[in-house]
Amino acid sequence: MDIRNKANRIRLLNFSTPQMRAFHLSWFAFHVCFFGWFGIAPLMAVVREDLALTQTQIGNTIIASVAITVIVRLLIGLLCDRLGPRKTYTGLLVLGSIPVMGIAFADSFETFLLARLAIGAIGASFVITQYHTTMMFAPNIVGTANATSAGWGNLGGGTTQILMPLIFSGLLMLGVNEALGWRLAMVVPGVVLFMTGIGYWLFTQDAPDGNFSDLRARGELPEATGENGAMQSFLAAAKDIRVWALFIVYGLCFGVELTINNIAAIYFFDHFELSLATAGLIAGLFGLMNIFARTLGGVFSDLFAKQGGLKGRVRWLFIALICEGIALIAFSQMHVLSLAIGIMLVFSLFVQMAEGATFGVVPFINKKALGAVAGIVGAGGNVGAVSAAFLFRSESLSYQQGLFYLGLTVLVLASCVLVVRFSDATEAQEANAYRNAMGNDTNAGALSLR
């Protein structure tokens, strides 16, 4: 689709344009979704005691929390193409708030598992975030825009690890017992999700020139073609081997991040014998790197594109993945807390830069099936998380061993990036689009405060 009047730079403190409102609300919505999606993770030590869960059962709940997202991410991309990101995001946020608050009623492993399965649907919010910023920003800055919005959304994985134990502790100070405390704590992210959904509906629009319905009425956007058109869009993306290569690649970075979000707190709690609050604080540092790390991945993607075109974007993605795999293996071998924290931060840096680099490539695979491509690649992150979770559900395999094998997998499968190639015609076309987006504006492509 040909969307006009995209922004060629990011003005962080400007909330007056539809591009920047979409930018800020999309990252905040994704941030809040992380808050609900992984809100229970830093409290798992308490839930484990309350519901008498085994390591295998905890592993199964981790799998459930990311498995359903695979299916929903595939569907959500098609909904974005058909309904637009505004309607799609609003619906996901409002409906997603229900199971987040509903987990408070879980009283057995089975009900807890079902609740985490339902909550996992809100992880599809990532696809809408990337779709919406791609609609709003020009080729010279889209890598940075996508990476920053997703990174600040992923930051929710860090703030969740820190805030949820504090909310839980505050409830205990009010006289609530632990069994009730973790349940009441989950009401907080549920309410925030609902309110954010209302805000998204009120303050955003689908594209720079209006909502999809308005653009179609004016003949500026092709009509939604129903199920057949959506299926054709999906099949066009599914037939492209590059899409599946990026599907695997995103599993190697975002899938790993989701896995760490699920196990980090309980790993530090058990392995280093820390308190719940301290373990949550340290685990939160991993996610807090998203405040700049994923943005760096997108910035470098745009910079590599300036010098090397689309090949440069792919080259940078490969470098980031290799560094991630090495850092993960090193982290798995740490037995001293201070060293473990330091290596974890280095590992986190490259994980998130690889994520930003991945979605610095995605917008250029197939512009006519952008939602389908973003949905399939986004789903790859959750398939990676589901696959990785099997390493951490076995009673015979320690978390350290699981992390080591995960690092080896990243190193081996990073070679999938080499499958992502573009024709000379596409390279020339995108190089021209990049130059046009820059134009005569010397500040184009910049991320500024004005």
Foldseek 3Di string as FASTA:
>chain_A
DDFPDAALEAAQQDQPAQLNVLLVLLLVLLLLLLLLLLLCQLVVVLVCVQQVDDLLLLLLLLLLLLVLLLVLLLVLLLCCVAFFLLVSSLVLLQVLLVLLLVCLPDRYSVSNSVSSNSNSNSNSSLLSSLLQNLQRHFLLASLLSSLLSNLSSLLSLLVSLQVSVVQLVVVVVVVDDSSNSNSVSSNVSSVVSNVSSVVSNVRHERHRVGHPVVCVVVVNDPHRPPPVVSVVLLVVLVVDLLLVLLLQLLLLQLLVVSLLSNCQLVCCCPLVVDDSNVSSNLSSLLSNLSNPLSSVLSLQLSVLCLVPNLVRLLVSLLVLLQQLLVLLLVLLPDNDPVVNSVSSNSNSSSSSSNNSSSSSNLCLPDVVSSSSSSSSSSSSNSVSNSVLSVQRSDPVHDPSNSSNVSSVVSNVSSCSSVSDDDDPVSRVVSNVSNCVSCDPPPCRNYNHND
